[in-house]
Every structure is written in C-alpha cells, then in structure tokens.
Amino acid sequence: MTEKKRSIRQRGIYLLPNLFTTGAMFAGFYAITSALDGRFETSAISIFVAMILDGLDGRVARMTNTESEFGVQYDSLSDMVSFGVAPGIVMYIWAFESLGKLGLFAAFVHTAGGALRLARFNTQVEVADRRYFQGLPSPAAAAILAGALWISLELGYDVESIKYLVLVLTISTGLLMVSNFRYSSFKEIDLKGRVPFVVAIIVMLGIGFVMAQAEIMLFVIALGYAVSGPIITLLTLRQKRKNRKT
C-alpha cells in the first residue's frame, strides 16, 4: 500500500458509531423544532431518545474497536445540541417566554452549564477518576427537564402555575453541571460477565415497571441521580476527615 493510499484511509471516519451520534443530535434538533410547533410532548420524548442513542454510540465504538478522536469530539458537539441547547430552548418556549429576561437567563444558565460541563470533561478525561463524573452529566440534567415537561403535560398542569418551579429547576440543572459534586459513572459495572438468571428477571421487571409510567419513572430516576452527587461528595469528605483523625 502506498503512503498516499494509507493517508487517505487514515483521514476517513468510522461510520457505525457516528451514525448513532448523528441520530442523537438529530433527536435534539427535532426536540427544538417540535417545541417551535407547540408539540412539547414530542420534544420531551425526543430528548430521551437522544439519551438512548448517546449511550449507544460509545458502547458500539468500544465493541467494534472503532473508537477515534473524531468520534469523541463529534459526540461532545452532539451532546451540546441535544442536552445543552435543546432543553434550554424547549423550556424557554414552553414556560419562560412570559418571564422575559428572567426566563432567558434561566434557559441560558442550563445551556451554558452544559457547554462548560462538556469542556471540562474533555480536558480532564485523561486524569479524572473513571469511577466518577465531576458535575452532573448533561444527559441526566436534560432528562430532569424533559421529565418535568412530560409529567406536567400528562397530568394536565397549567404551565403558568408552575413556571417559577420550572425556572428554579432549570437553573439548578445548569449549576449542578458545573459543580464539583461527584457522580457515579457506573463504569465499574461488568455488563459482559455472567449473572444469575434471577437478575435477568429483575431487570426485565424493572424495565417493564419503568415503561408503564415512563414519564414519572424517568424523571424520578434522573432527579434521584442528581441528588446522589451531593450525598456521595459529602460522604467522601466525611470519610476523608475520619481518616485524617485516625
């Protein structure tokens, strides 16, 4: 093989994992366009679809040995669209337009928090503890807002009566993304190992239970994960203080 042909091959990109990344970015883009048309339930579902696809692209890349620096950077840009820009715009159109600059501020805090969270992650990925994330991951932050939107629509809440609660929630997700709270990455879980058959049954029942009340359960899971960060951080600091005294 000539040097020219080898150079051309190296400039190419892996198609399969980047298809999932593109799908995730399209889902985020579709969430925005749906909100512009007033189809807010579709917006919420689209953000959750983006989460699923975002979780698959990295796993597919590792399973097929097609990881690349291009894929890492493309994934970050996709995350910014789907979990930073999309939730901010959707929340603004749904609940904040009547609040003027205050609503604009809240939506921007979430969007900027997502951008800063991704930038920090990319610069610390080589030195960070793989067991934990620093700051709330942007997909989880987006899931909280999408879940709150979906629940409100399902239960028929008047957005005018809860817009300040949603405002606080949106600002909180933005701040949690840039916080120093530690969140479990779950990367220590071995998904390739063998487990007892009863575990498979429990997982199946759990998935069925979540899907039966998807809008409520997804919101509760995302909110619980957000709360776990401060708890893990406080417990870690407490343990370090004990170790210093002993």
Protein backbone atom coordinates (compact mmCIF):
# COMPACT_ATOMS: atom_id res chain seq x y z
CA MET A 1 0.00 0.00 0.00
CA THR A 2 1.41 3.37 -0.97
CA GLU A 3 1.81 6.22 1.51
CA LYS A 4 -0.86 8.19 -0.36
CA LYS A 5 -3.47 5.43 -0.01
CA ARG A 6 -2.60 4.88 3.65
CA SER A 7 -3.01 8.62 4.30
CA ILE A 8 -6.43 8.68 2.63
CA ARG A 9 -7.62 5.75 4.73
CA GLN A 10 -6.45 7.39 7.93
CA ARG A 11 -8.43 10.52 7.11
CA GLY A 12 -11.69 8.59 6.97
CA ILE A 13 -14.14 8.18 9.86
CA TYR A 14 -15.86 5.15 11.32
CA LEU A 15 -19.44 5.10 10.10
CA LEU A 16 -21.31 2.92 12.61
CA PRO A 17 -20.72 4.74 15.94
CA ASN A 18 -21.05 8.13 14.26
CA LEU A 19 -24.46 7.14 12.89
CA PHE A 20 -25.69 6.78 16.48
CA THR A 21 -24.13 10.14 17.35
CA THR A 22 -25.82 11.76 14.36
CA GLY A 23 -29.12 10.20 15.39
CA ALA A 24 -28.74 11.63 18.90
CA MET A 25 -28.01 15.08 17.51
CA PHE A 26 -31.00 14.88 15.17
CA ALA A 27 -33.24 13.91 18.10
CA GLY A 28 -32.09 17.03 19.96
CA PHE A 29 -32.66 19.17 16.88
CA TYR A 30 -36.10 17.61 16.43
CA ALA A 31 -36.94 18.45 20.06
CA ILE A 32 -36.34 22.13 19.25
CA THR A 33 -38.40 22.14 16.06
CA SER A 34 -41.23 20.28 17.80
CA ALA A 35 -41.29 22.90 20.56
CA LEU A 36 -41.50 25.64 17.94
CA ASP A 37 -44.61 23.88 16.60
CA GLY A 38 -46.08 23.56 20.10
CA ARG A 39 -45.60 19.76 20.27
CA PHE A 40 -43.94 19.71 23.66
CA GLU A 41 -44.56 16.04 24.45
CA THR A 42 -42.69 15.13 21.28
CA SER A 43 -39.88 17.43 22.41
CA ALA A 44 -39.58 15.62 25.74
CA ILE A 45 -39.62 12.18 24.14
CA SER A 46 -37.03 13.28 21.55
CA ILE A 47 -34.61 14.29 24.31
CA PHE A 48 -34.97 10.85 25.91
CA VAL A 49 -34.39 9.22 22.51
CA ALA A 50 -31.22 11.31 22.20
CA MET A 51 -30.11 9.94 25.58
CA ILE A 52 -30.53 6.35 24.41
CA LEU A 53 -28.62 6.92 21.19
CA ASP A 54 -25.91 8.85 23.04
CA GLY A 55 -25.45 5.91 25.38
CA LEU A 56 -25.14 3.51 22.48
CA ASP A 57 -22.56 5.29 20.32
CA GLY A 58 -19.69 4.90 22.78
CA ARG A 59 -20.56 1.28 23.55
CA VAL A 60 -20.79 0.42 19.85
CA ALA A 61 -17.42 2.09 19.24
CA ARG A 62 -15.79 0.06 22.02
CA MET A 63 -17.44 -3.22 20.97
CA THR A 64 -16.41 -2.79 17.32
CA ASN A 65 -12.99 -1.30 18.12
CA THR A 66 -13.86 1.84 16.17
CA GLU A 67 -13.03 4.49 18.79
CA SER A 68 -11.43 7.65 17.44
CA GLU A 69 -10.63 11.21 18.45
CA PHE A 70 -13.06 12.42 15.79
CA GLY A 71 -15.82 10.36 17.41
CA VAL A 72 -15.06 11.82 20.85
CA GLN A 73 -15.23 15.40 19.59
CA TYR A 74 -18.32 14.74 17.45
CA ASP A 75 -20.06 13.17 20.44
CA SER A 76 -19.38 16.29 22.53
CA LEU A 77 -20.87 18.55 19.85
CA SER A 78 -23.90 16.28 19.63
CA ASP A 79 -24.30 16.37 23.43
CA MET A 80 -24.19 20.16 23.35
CA VAL A 81 -27.07 20.27 20.89
CA SER A 82 -29.19 17.54 22.49
CA PHE A 83 -28.59 18.15 26.19
CA GLY A 84 -27.49 21.78 26.37
CA VAL A 85 -29.19 23.83 23.66
CA ALA A 86 -32.35 21.75 23.12
CA PRO A 87 -33.57 21.59 26.76
CA GLY A 88 -32.83 25.29 27.26
CA ILE A 89 -34.80 26.36 24.19
CA VAL A 90 -37.66 23.93 24.85
CA MET A 91 -38.02 25.16 28.44
CA TYR A 92 -37.95 28.77 27.29
CA ILE A 93 -40.66 28.27 24.66
CA TRP A 94 -42.82 26.17 26.97
CA ALA A 95 -42.62 28.06 30.25
CA PHE A 96 -40.39 31.12 30.20
CA GLU A 97 -41.44 33.38 27.33
CA SER A 98 -43.82 35.33 29.59
CA LEU A 99 -40.98 35.91 32.08
CA GLY A 100 -38.94 37.98 29.66
CA LYS A 101 -35.27 38.37 30.53
CA LEU A 102 -35.59 36.20 33.65
CA GLY A 103 -36.76 33.29 31.53
CA LEU A 104 -34.00 33.95 29.02
CA PHE A 105 -31.47 33.92 31.85
CA ALA A 106 -32.70 30.58 33.23
CA ALA A 107 -32.61 28.90 29.81
CA PHE A 108 -29.12 30.26 29.17
CA VAL A 109 -27.81 29.06 32.55
CA HIS A 110 -28.71 25.50 31.59
CA THR A 111 -27.22 25.86 28.10
CA ALA A 112 -24.00 27.47 29.35
CA GLY A 113 -23.74 24.88 32.13
CA GLY A 114 -23.90 22.14 29.53
CA ALA A 115 -21.15 23.76 27.45
CA LEU A 116 -18.86 24.26 30.45
CA ARG A 117 -19.54 20.73 31.70
CA LEU A 118 -18.55 19.21 28.36
CA ALA A 119 -15.46 21.40 28.01
CA ARG A 120 -14.26 20.45 31.49
CA PHE A 121 -14.92 16.76 30.85
CA ASN A 122 -12.92 16.81 27.61
CA THR A 123 -9.92 18.48 29.24
CA GLN A 124 -9.88 16.18 32.28
CA VAL A 125 -10.77 12.87 30.66
CA GLU A 126 -7.18 11.55 30.83
CA VAL A 127 -6.62 12.35 34.51
CA ALA A 128 -10.09 12.02 36.06
CA ASP A 129 -11.17 9.06 38.21
CA ARG A 130 -13.13 6.85 35.81
CA ARG A 131 -15.47 5.75 38.62
CA TYR A 132 -16.93 9.24 38.98
CA PHE A 133 -18.04 12.25 36.95
CA GLN A 134 -17.30 15.75 38.20
CA GLY A 135 -20.58 17.62 37.95
CA LEU A 136 -23.96 16.31 36.84
CA PRO A 137 -23.67 14.72 33.36
CA SER A 138 -25.53 16.73 30.73
CA PRO A 139 -27.83 13.85 29.66
CA ALA A 140 -29.08 13.49 33.24
CA ALA A 141 -29.62 17.25 33.51
CA ALA A 142 -31.60 17.21 30.26
CA ALA A 143 -33.62 14.21 31.49
CA ILE A 144 -34.75 16.16 34.57
CA LEU A 145 -36.14 18.99 32.44
CA ALA A 146 -37.64 16.70 29.80
CA GLY A 147 -39.20 14.56 32.52
CA ALA A 148 -40.69 17.58 34.28
CA LEU A 149 -42.17 18.76 30.99
CA TRP A 150 -43.59 15.34 30.14
CA ILE A 151 -45.14 14.86 33.60
CA SER A 152 -46.72 18.32 33.51
CA LEU A 153 -48.35 17.59 30.17
CA GLU A 154 -49.55 14.13 31.23
CA LEU A 155 -51.08 15.41 34.46
CA GLY A 156 -52.55 18.50 32.82
CA TYR A 157 -50.72 21.10 34.90
CA ASP A 158 -51.14 24.72 33.85
CA VAL A 159 -47.64 25.91 32.96
CA GLU A 160 -48.39 29.38 34.34
CA SER A 161 -48.90 27.92 37.81
CA ILE A 162 -45.58 26.05 37.87
CA LYS A 163 -43.33 28.25 35.73
CA TYR A 164 -41.31 29.54 38.71
CA LEU A 165 -40.75 25.99 39.95
CA VAL A 166 -39.57 25.02 36.46
CA LEU A 167 -37.38 28.14 36.46
CA VAL A 168 -35.61 27.05 39.64
CA LEU A 169 -35.26 23.50 38.30
CA THR A 170 -33.70 24.75 35.05
CA ILE A 171 -31.19 26.98 36.82
CA SER A 172 -30.37 24.16 39.24
CA THR A 173 -29.53 21.71 36.45
CA GLY A 174 -27.20 24.26 34.91
CA LEU A 175 -25.40 24.87 38.20
CA LEU A 176 -25.17 21.16 39.05
CA MET A 177 -23.43 20.51 35.74
CA VAL A 178 -20.61 22.90 36.65
CA SER A 179 -20.48 21.90 40.33
CA ASN A 180 -17.72 19.84 41.93
CA PHE A 181 -20.14 17.18 43.14
CA ARG A 182 -19.08 13.63 42.28
CA TYR A 183 -21.49 11.38 40.42
CA SER A 184 -21.05 7.66 39.90
CA SER A 185 -20.16 6.78 36.31
CA PHE A 186 -21.25 3.12 36.75
CA LYS A 187 -18.24 2.15 34.61
CA GLU A 188 -17.15 -0.40 37.18
CA ILE A 189 -20.26 -2.49 36.41
CA ASP A 190 -19.29 -5.52 34.31
CA LEU A 191 -22.02 -5.91 31.69
CA LYS A 192 -20.17 -8.75 29.95
CA GLY A 193 -19.97 -11.02 32.98
CA ARG A 194 -22.37 -13.82 33.83
CA VAL A 195 -25.15 -13.19 36.34
CA PRO A 196 -27.75 -15.47 37.98
CA PHE A 197 -30.95 -15.96 35.98
CA VAL A 198 -32.96 -14.19 38.67
CA VAL A 199 -31.03 -10.98 37.92
CA ALA A 200 -32.27 -11.08 34.33
CA ILE A 201 -35.85 -11.45 35.60
CA ILE A 202 -35.42 -8.50 37.98
CA VAL A 203 -34.00 -6.34 35.18
CA MET A 204 -36.89 -7.32 32.90
CA LEU A 205 -39.46 -6.45 35.58
CA GLY A 206 -37.67 -3.18 36.29
CA ILE A 207 -37.76 -2.15 32.63
CA GLY A 208 -41.44 -3.06 32.43
CA PHE A 209 -42.21 -1.05 35.55
CA VAL A 210 -40.37 1.99 34.21
CA MET A 211 -42.06 1.83 30.81
CA ALA A 212 -45.52 1.50 32.39
CA GLN A 213 -45.12 5.01 33.83
CA ALA A 214 -42.25 6.26 31.68
CA GLU A 215 -42.70 9.98 32.22
CA ILE A 216 -42.78 9.69 36.03
CA MET A 217 -40.15 7.00 36.48
CA LEU A 218 -37.60 8.58 34.12
CA PHE A 219 -37.96 11.90 35.93
CA VAL A 220 -37.64 10.25 39.36
CA ILE A 221 -34.56 8.29 38.29
CA ALA A 222 -32.88 11.39 36.82
CA LEU A 223 -33.76 13.50 39.87
CA GLY A 224 -32.53 10.80 42.23
CA TYR A 225 -29.24 10.64 40.33
CA ALA A 226 -28.91 14.45 40.59
CA VAL A 227 -29.40 14.27 44.37
CA SER A 228 -26.88 11.43 44.68
CA GLY A 229 -24.00 13.74 43.73
CA PRO A 230 -24.10 15.96 46.83
CA ILE A 231 -24.66 12.87 49.01
CA ILE A 232 -21.65 11.00 47.56
CA THR A 233 -19.48 14.10 47.87
CA LEU A 234 -20.45 14.74 51.49
CA LEU A 235 -19.89 11.10 52.45
CA THR A 236 -16.48 11.12 50.75
CA LEU A 237 -15.43 14.31 52.57
CA ARG A 238 -16.65 12.87 55.86
CA GLN A 239 -14.63 9.69 55.32
CA LYS A 240 -11.51 11.72 54.49
CA ARG A 241 -11.88 13.72 57.71
CA LYS A 242 -12.18 10.49 59.72
CA ASN A 243 -9.05 9.08 58.05
CA ARG A 244 -7.09 12.24 58.94
CA LYS A 245 -8.06 11.95 62.61
CA THR A 246 -7.08 8.28 62.87
